Amino acid sequence: MENFITMTHLSSTSLRPALFLDRDGTLMKEVDHCHRPEDVEAIEGAALALAQAHQQGWCNVIITNQSGIGRGYFSEKQFQAVQEELQRQLGQLIDATYMSSALPNTDSLRRKPAPGMIFEAARDLGIDLPSSYMIGDRSSDIEAGRAAGCRTILVLSGYGEAHRDARADYIAKDVTEAIGIALSRDISH
């Protein structure tokens, strides 16, 4: 499962900016090792913000570590059920999901803080990394974004408050505010 990727409605051939979004604690309320669809609660306003990003030509991509699969806490099928519920709540506005089930402290090139999943998405989806943002609630999200050449935004939802010193380019109270920051500072168009 280390190479799990899902893609939906993409058809652009020119490079475009992306919002790389951590999932747990960023797009949805933090639930430790979330594996039940009934526990999914999208952050208020996230769907509208993601829709605005699409309207402006941005690609919305989830970049998520899911060590719960690698630890045997839940299955790939349970992960997918959570993803489907989150997509439903967000109005099907996520273009692709890249997930690493690698355990912490392994040599995975994909598990954040490594930038592998971001590089894969850029290659697969035609994304311009310097005009893109990595948005997340942990220093590993910020480190991955920085290593990939993206701008970064730390959200204070989830675990964000404990990671204020992550050296993000911007800090936002939640993903809705973070997307607003990215769209207002868009230099690609």
Protein backbone atom coordinates (compact mmCIF):
# COMPACT_ATOMS: atom_id res chain seq x y z
CA MET A 1 0.00 0.00 0.00
CA GLU A 2 3.03 2.26 0.19
CA ASN A 3 2.25 3.40 -3.37
CA PHE A 4 -1.47 4.14 -2.93
CA ILE A 5 -2.70 6.86 -5.28
CA THR A 6 -6.20 7.80 -6.37
CA MET A 7 -7.00 10.37 -9.02
CA THR A 8 -10.28 11.79 -10.14
CA HIS A 9 -11.32 14.47 -12.64
CA LEU A 10 -8.10 15.86 -14.17
CA SER A 11 -7.55 16.84 -17.78
CA SER A 12 -5.07 19.73 -17.96
CA THR A 13 -1.89 19.49 -20.01
CA SER A 14 -0.12 22.69 -18.90
CA LEU A 15 1.56 23.15 -15.54
CA ARG A 16 -0.68 24.56 -12.86
CA PRO A 17 -0.44 25.31 -9.17
CA ALA A 18 -1.61 22.88 -6.51
CA LEU A 19 -2.76 22.90 -2.96
CA PHE A 20 -1.06 19.91 -1.35
CA LEU A 21 -3.18 19.19 1.71
CA ASP A 22 -2.52 17.01 4.69
CA ARG A 23 -5.68 15.10 5.61
CA ASP A 24 -6.08 14.42 9.35
CA GLY A 25 -6.12 17.59 11.42
CA THR A 26 -6.01 19.74 8.29
CA LEU A 27 -8.91 18.89 5.94
CA MET A 28 -10.82 17.02 8.63
CA LYS A 29 -10.90 17.13 12.39
CA GLU A 30 -8.17 15.08 14.02
CA VAL A 31 -9.18 11.55 14.99
CA ASP A 32 -6.22 9.41 16.01
CA HIS A 33 -5.72 6.81 13.24
CA CYS A 34 -9.15 7.54 11.74
CA HIS A 35 -10.56 4.40 10.14
CA ARG A 36 -14.34 4.80 10.46
CA PRO A 37 -16.33 6.94 8.00
CA GLU A 38 -18.72 7.97 10.78
CA ASP A 39 -15.78 9.74 12.52
CA VAL A 40 -15.01 11.97 9.53
CA GLU A 41 -15.85 15.65 10.00
CA ALA A 42 -14.54 18.01 7.33
CA ILE A 43 -13.28 21.38 8.56
CA GLU A 44 -16.03 23.97 8.27
CA GLY A 45 -15.70 26.02 5.07
CA ALA A 46 -13.15 23.68 3.48
CA ALA A 47 -15.44 22.62 0.63
CA LEU A 48 -16.16 26.22 -0.38
CA ALA A 49 -12.46 27.11 -0.25
CA LEU A 50 -11.52 24.06 -2.34
CA ALA A 51 -14.21 25.00 -4.88
CA GLN A 52 -12.73 28.50 -5.13
CA ALA A 53 -9.31 26.98 -5.75
CA HIS A 54 -10.71 24.84 -8.57
CA GLN A 55 -12.42 27.86 -10.09
CA GLN A 56 -9.04 29.58 -10.20
CA GLY A 57 -7.38 26.59 -11.88
CA TRP A 58 -5.69 25.00 -8.87
CA CYS A 59 -5.33 21.27 -8.34
CA ASN A 60 -6.36 19.95 -4.87
CA VAL A 61 -4.19 17.01 -3.76
CA ILE A 62 -4.16 15.14 -0.45
CA ILE A 63 -0.68 14.11 0.75
CA THR A 64 -1.11 11.89 3.81
CA ASN A 65 0.92 9.62 6.06
CA GLN A 66 -1.17 6.67 7.26
CA SER A 67 1.09 4.59 9.47
CA GLY A 68 -2.03 3.02 11.02
CA ILE A 69 -2.12 0.72 7.99
CA GLY A 70 1.55 -0.20 8.38
CA ARG A 71 0.99 -0.83 12.09
CA GLY A 72 -2.03 -3.04 11.38
CA TYR A 73 -4.49 -0.73 13.18
CA PHE A 74 -6.78 -0.60 10.13
CA SER A 75 -6.94 -1.87 6.57
CA GLU A 76 -6.58 -0.27 3.16
CA LYS A 77 -10.30 -0.82 2.68
CA GLN A 78 -11.05 1.15 5.87
CA PHE A 79 -8.70 3.92 4.70
CA GLN A 80 -10.56 4.09 1.39
CA ALA A 81 -13.94 4.24 3.17
CA VAL A 82 -12.72 7.24 5.18
CA GLN A 83 -11.44 8.86 1.97
CA GLU A 84 -14.80 8.36 0.25
CA GLU A 85 -16.66 9.97 3.16
CA LEU A 86 -14.27 12.91 3.23
CA GLN A 87 -14.67 13.34 -0.54
CA ARG A 88 -18.44 13.28 -0.09
CA GLN A 89 -18.30 15.97 2.59
CA LEU A 90 -15.92 18.09 0.50
CA GLY A 91 -18.07 17.89 -2.63
CA GLN A 92 -15.70 15.64 -4.64
CA LEU A 93 -13.15 18.50 -4.91
CA ILE A 94 -10.02 16.45 -4.26
CA ASP A 95 -8.26 15.67 -7.55
CA ALA A 96 -5.87 13.02 -6.23
CA THR A 97 -4.76 11.37 -3.00
CA TYR A 98 -1.23 10.18 -2.32
CA MET A 99 -0.77 8.06 0.80
CA SER A 100 2.20 6.45 2.51
CA SER A 101 1.62 3.64 4.97
CA ALA A 102 5.31 3.55 5.93
CA LEU A 103 6.11 3.57 9.62
CA PRO A 104 7.89 6.53 11.23
CA ASN A 105 11.70 6.39 11.22
CA THR A 106 11.91 4.25 8.10
CA ASP A 107 13.86 5.05 4.94
CA SER A 108 10.72 5.76 2.92
CA LEU A 109 11.20 8.45 0.29
CA ARG A 110 7.44 8.97 0.28
CA ARG A 111 6.57 9.35 3.96
CA LYS A 112 6.53 13.00 5.04
CA PRO A 113 8.83 14.79 5.86
CA ALA A 114 10.32 13.27 2.69
CA PRO A 115 8.91 15.01 -0.41
CA GLY A 116 8.39 11.88 -2.53
CA MET A 117 4.59 12.00 -2.69
CA ILE A 118 4.68 15.68 -3.69
CA PHE A 119 7.19 14.95 -6.45
CA GLU A 120 5.01 12.05 -7.68
CA ALA A 121 1.95 14.30 -7.79
CA ALA A 122 3.84 17.03 -9.63
CA ARG A 123 4.96 14.53 -12.25
CA ASP A 124 1.60 12.76 -12.54
CA LEU A 125 -0.60 15.85 -12.57
CA GLY A 126 1.52 18.50 -14.27
CA ILE A 127 2.00 20.70 -11.21
CA ASP A 128 4.25 23.75 -10.96
CA LEU A 129 5.88 23.27 -7.55
CA PRO A 130 7.20 26.83 -6.97
CA SER A 131 3.69 28.25 -7.32
CA SER A 132 2.12 25.54 -5.14
CA TYR A 133 1.53 25.29 -1.39
CA MET A 134 1.83 22.47 1.13
CA ILE A 135 -0.75 22.97 3.89
CA GLY A 136 -0.62 20.90 7.06
CA ASP A 137 -0.70 20.77 10.85
CA ARG A 138 2.72 19.23 11.56
CA SER A 139 6.34 20.13 11.01
CA SER A 140 6.66 17.05 8.77
CA ASP A 141 4.12 18.63 6.36
CA ILE A 142 6.08 21.88 6.30
CA GLU A 143 9.43 20.09 5.84
CA ALA A 144 8.04 18.02 2.94
CA GLY A 145 6.66 21.11 1.23
CA ARG A 146 9.89 23.04 1.68
CA ALA A 147 11.96 20.09 0.37
CA ALA A 148 9.75 19.93 -2.72
CA GLY A 149 10.17 23.65 -3.42
CA CYS A 150 6.64 24.67 -2.43
CA ARG A 151 5.51 27.50 -0.23
CA THR A 152 4.13 26.28 3.10
CA ILE A 153 1.27 27.05 5.46
CA LEU A 154 0.91 25.61 8.95
CA VAL A 155 -2.68 25.34 10.18
CA LEU A 156 -3.33 25.59 13.90
CA SER A 157 -6.08 22.96 13.78
CA GLY A 158 -5.17 19.35 14.56
CA TYR A 159 -1.65 19.29 16.01
CA GLY A 160 -0.71 22.69 14.56
CA GLU A 161 -0.51 24.61 17.81
CA ALA A 162 2.31 22.30 18.99
CA HIS A 163 4.20 22.85 15.70
CA ARG A 164 4.26 26.67 15.53
CA ASP A 165 8.05 26.59 15.30
CA ALA A 166 7.99 24.59 12.03
CA ARG A 167 9.21 27.63 10.04
CA ALA A 168 6.23 27.68 7.69
CA ASP A 169 5.95 30.59 5.27
CA TYR A 170 2.52 31.38 6.74
CA ILE A 171 0.41 30.32 9.72
CA ALA A 172 -3.40 30.08 9.49
CA LYS A 173 -6.07 29.15 12.00
CA ASP A 174 -7.44 26.42 9.71
CA VAL A 175 -7.45 25.10 6.14
CA THR A 176 -10.11 27.56 5.02
CA GLU A 177 -7.94 30.50 6.01
CA ALA A 178 -4.86 28.76 4.58
CA ILE A 179 -6.48 28.31 1.16
CA GLY A 180 -7.49 31.97 1.25
CA ILE A 181 -3.86 32.92 1.87
CA ALA A 182 -2.66 30.75 -1.02
CA LEU A 183 -5.24 32.09 -3.46
CA SER A 184 -4.58 35.71 -2.49
CA ARG A 185 -0.82 35.29 -3.02
CA ASP A 186 -1.09 33.34 -6.28
CA ILE A 187 1.71 34.48 -8.58
CA SER A 188 1.18 31.87 -11.30
CA HIS A 189 -1.67 33.56 -13.16
